[in-house]
Amino acid sequence: MDAAKRELHEETGVRSASLLGRTEEWVAYDFPADAAPNRKGWKGQKQIWFALRFDGQESEIDLDGHGDAEFDAWRWGNLAEAPELVVPFKRSAYEHVVRAFAKFS
């Protein structure tokens, strides 16, 4: 959980968040073949996902707070929208997370 909160802060500036739950199993995806040369020989990733509730103020969100920003914009949305917003090779992983966290949305 500490690593998840650290990543959240590094990528968004958010510190005010509380744990709702996590995936029970690892969620995996493979990189497409054309991305492999950029991935140092990695085939894909597997991750445990955490559902967090944002408890702060929107002014806390700062995408540029830690060097090179991973994101250029943010917005509030419905969890069910997430799979359509990611690159296609990650879509099934996001669909898995949507099902796992539906009880929180």
C-alpha atoms as a PDB file:
ATOM      1  CA  MET A   1       0.000   0.000   0.000  1.00  0.00           C
ATOM      2  CA  ASP A   2       2.876   2.396   0.715  1.00  0.00           C
ATOM      3  CA  ALA A   3       4.159   1.985  -2.846  1.00  0.00           C
ATOM      4  CA  ALA A   4       0.684   2.695  -4.286  1.00  0.00           C
ATOM      5  CA  LYS A   5       0.364   5.920  -2.298  1.00  0.00           C
ATOM      6  CA  ARG A   6       3.896   6.942  -3.290  1.00  0.00           C
ATOM      7  CA  GLU A   7       3.094   6.375  -6.985  1.00  0.00           C
ATOM      8  CA  LEU A   8      -0.171   8.303  -6.635  1.00  0.00           C
ATOM      9  CA  HIS A   9       1.694  11.247  -5.130  1.00  0.00           C
ATOM     10  CA  GLU A  10       4.503  11.168  -7.709  1.00  0.00           C
ATOM     11  CA  GLU A  11       2.107  11.049 -10.667  1.00  0.00           C
ATOM     12  CA  THR A  12      -0.673  13.348  -9.437  1.00  0.00           C
ATOM     13  CA  GLY A  13       0.510  15.258  -6.366  1.00  0.00           C
ATOM     14  CA  VAL A  14      -2.277  13.658  -4.313  1.00  0.00           C
ATOM     15  CA  ARG A  15      -1.585  12.704  -0.712  1.00  0.00           C
ATOM     16  CA  SER A  16      -5.147  12.815   0.636  1.00  0.00           C
ATOM     17  CA  ALA A  17      -6.468   9.352  -0.193  1.00  0.00           C
ATOM     18  CA  SER A  18      -7.811   6.423   1.801  1.00  0.00           C
ATOM     19  CA  LEU A  19      -7.845   2.739   0.909  1.00  0.00           C
ATOM     20  CA  LEU A  20     -11.083   1.177  -0.317  1.00  0.00           C
ATOM     21  CA  GLY A  21      -9.710  -2.165  -1.500  1.00  0.00           C
ATOM     22  CA  ARG A  22      -7.292  -3.970  -3.806  1.00  0.00           C
ATOM     23  CA  THR A  23      -7.386  -6.651  -6.446  1.00  0.00           C
ATOM     24  CA  GLU A  24      -7.117 -10.134  -4.995  1.00  0.00           C
ATOM     25  CA  GLU A  25      -4.964 -11.340  -7.877  1.00  0.00           C
ATOM     26  CA  TRP A  26      -2.283  -9.953 -10.136  1.00  0.00           C
ATOM     27  CA  VAL A  27      -3.593  -8.149 -13.231  1.00  0.00           C
ATOM     28  CA  ALA A  28      -1.333  -8.767 -16.235  1.00  0.00           C
ATOM     29  CA  TYR A  29      -0.911  -7.591 -19.808  1.00  0.00           C
ATOM     30  CA  ASP A  30       1.652  -8.140 -22.566  1.00  0.00           C
ATOM     31  CA  PHE A  31       3.367  -5.392 -24.508  1.00  0.00           C
ATOM     32  CA  PRO A  32       2.711  -5.412 -28.267  1.00  0.00           C
ATOM     33  CA  ALA A  33       5.586  -6.686 -30.401  1.00  0.00           C
ATOM     34  CA  ASP A  34       6.327  -3.231 -31.824  1.00  0.00           C
ATOM     35  CA  ALA A  35       6.836  -1.846 -28.285  1.00  0.00           C
ATOM     36  CA  ALA A  36       9.195  -4.630 -27.157  1.00  0.00           C
ATOM     37  CA  PRO A  37      12.469  -2.930 -28.231  1.00  0.00           C
ATOM     38  CA  ASN A  38      11.642  -0.044 -25.910  1.00  0.00           C
ATOM     39  CA  ARG A  39      10.949  -2.309 -22.934  1.00  0.00           C
ATOM     40  CA  LYS A  40      14.438  -3.741 -22.236  1.00  0.00           C
ATOM     41  CA  GLY A  41      13.366  -7.285 -23.043  1.00  0.00           C
ATOM     42  CA  TRP A  42      10.248  -7.246 -20.847  1.00  0.00           C
ATOM     43  CA  LYS A  43       7.281  -9.188 -22.197  1.00  0.00           C
ATOM     44  CA  GLY A  44       4.650  -7.327 -20.182  1.00  0.00           C
ATOM     45  CA  GLN A  45       3.638  -6.323 -16.688  1.00  0.00           C
ATOM     46  CA  LYS A  46       1.639  -7.719 -13.811  1.00  0.00           C
ATOM     47  CA  GLN A  47       0.292  -5.487 -11.090  1.00  0.00           C
ATOM     48  CA  ILE A  48      -1.813  -5.437  -7.954  1.00  0.00           C
ATOM     49  CA  TRP A  49      -4.295  -2.560  -8.217  1.00  0.00           C
ATOM     50  CA  PHE A  50      -5.556  -0.457  -5.303  1.00  0.00           C
ATOM     51  CA  ALA A  51      -8.845   1.444  -5.120  1.00  0.00           C
ATOM     52  CA  LEU A  52      -8.394   4.715  -3.251  1.00  0.00           C
ATOM     53  CA  ARG A  53     -10.891   7.425  -2.321  1.00  0.00           C
ATOM     54  CA  PHE A  54      -9.694  10.992  -2.901  1.00  0.00           C
ATOM     55  CA  ASP A  55     -10.216  12.836   0.383  1.00  0.00           C
ATOM     56  CA  GLY A  56      -8.581  16.154  -0.507  1.00  0.00           C
ATOM     57  CA  GLN A  57      -9.292  19.298  -2.478  1.00  0.00           C
ATOM     58  CA  GLU A  58      -8.821  19.507  -6.246  1.00  0.00           C
ATOM     59  CA  SER A  59      -6.097  22.122  -5.711  1.00  0.00           C
ATOM     60  CA  GLU A  60      -3.922  19.263  -4.386  1.00  0.00           C
ATOM     61  CA  ILE A  61      -3.758  17.691  -7.860  1.00  0.00           C
ATOM     62  CA  ASP A  62      -0.502  18.677  -9.582  1.00  0.00           C
ATOM     63  CA  LEU A  63       0.612  16.619 -12.576  1.00  0.00           C
ATOM     64  CA  ASP A  64       3.887  18.574 -12.920  1.00  0.00           C
ATOM     65  CA  GLY A  65       5.013  18.285  -9.306  1.00  0.00           C
ATOM     66  CA  HIS A  66       7.696  15.619  -9.793  1.00  0.00           C
ATOM     67  CA  GLY A  67       9.724  16.330 -12.922  1.00  0.00           C
ATOM     68  CA  ASP A  68       8.519  14.964 -16.233  1.00  0.00           C
ATOM     69  CA  ALA A  69       4.749  14.579 -16.044  1.00  0.00           C
ATOM     70  CA  GLU A  70       3.318  11.171 -17.014  1.00  0.00           C
ATOM     71  CA  PHE A  71      -0.038  12.777 -17.826  1.00  0.00           C
ATOM     72  CA  ASP A  72      -0.903  15.996 -19.626  1.00  0.00           C
ATOM     73  CA  ALA A  73      -4.448  16.369 -18.274  1.00  0.00           C
ATOM     74  CA  TRP A  74      -6.926  14.895 -15.810  1.00  0.00           C
ATOM     75  CA  ARG A  75     -10.674  14.845 -15.276  1.00  0.00           C
ATOM     76  CA  TRP A  76     -13.232  13.115 -13.100  1.00  0.00           C
ATOM     77  CA  GLY A  77     -15.029  10.255 -14.831  1.00  0.00           C
ATOM     78  CA  ASN A  78     -16.892   7.033 -14.286  1.00  0.00           C
ATOM     79  CA  LEU A  79     -14.829   3.921 -13.605  1.00  0.00           C
ATOM     80  CA  ALA A  80     -16.590   2.089 -16.440  1.00  0.00           C
ATOM     81  CA  GLU A  81     -15.101   4.600 -18.937  1.00  0.00           C
ATOM     82  CA  ALA A  82     -11.488   3.697 -18.115  1.00  0.00           C
ATOM     83  CA  PRO A  83     -10.982   0.792 -20.578  1.00  0.00           C
ATOM     84  CA  GLU A  84     -11.901   3.012 -23.521  1.00  0.00           C
ATOM     85  CA  LEU A  85      -9.336   5.634 -22.481  1.00  0.00           C
ATOM     86  CA  VAL A  86      -6.211   3.439 -22.528  1.00  0.00           C
ATOM     87  CA  VAL A  87      -4.090   1.985 -25.281  1.00  0.00           C
ATOM     88  CA  PRO A  88      -5.694  -1.169 -26.719  1.00  0.00           C
ATOM     89  CA  PHE A  89      -3.107  -3.628 -25.351  1.00  0.00           C
ATOM     90  CA  LYS A  90      -4.011  -2.624 -21.762  1.00  0.00           C
ATOM     91  CA  ARG A  91      -7.786  -2.705 -22.298  1.00  0.00           C
ATOM     92  CA  SER A  92      -8.466  -6.214 -20.929  1.00  0.00           C
ATOM     93  CA  ALA A  93      -6.481  -5.411 -17.763  1.00  0.00           C
ATOM     94  CA  TYR A  94      -8.563  -2.290 -17.219  1.00  0.00           C
ATOM     95  CA  GLU A  95     -11.777  -4.235 -17.835  1.00  0.00           C
ATOM     96  CA  HIS A  96     -10.660  -6.660 -15.111  1.00  0.00           C
ATOM     97  CA  VAL A  97     -10.058  -3.754 -12.702  1.00  0.00           C
ATOM     98  CA  VAL A  98     -13.454  -2.223 -13.508  1.00  0.00           C
ATOM     99  CA  ARG A  99     -15.150  -5.504 -12.570  1.00  0.00           C
ATOM    100  CA  ALA A 100     -13.056  -5.855  -9.404  1.00  0.00           C
ATOM    101  CA  PHE A 101     -13.770  -2.292  -8.226  1.00  0.00           C
ATOM    102  CA  ALA A 102     -17.389  -1.912  -9.417  1.00  0.00           C
ATOM    103  CA  LYS A 103     -18.587  -2.110  -5.806  1.00  0.00           C
ATOM    104  CA  PHE A 104     -16.723   1.146  -5.067  1.00  0.00           C
ATOM    105  CA  SER A 105     -18.088   3.193  -7.967  1.00  0.00           C
END
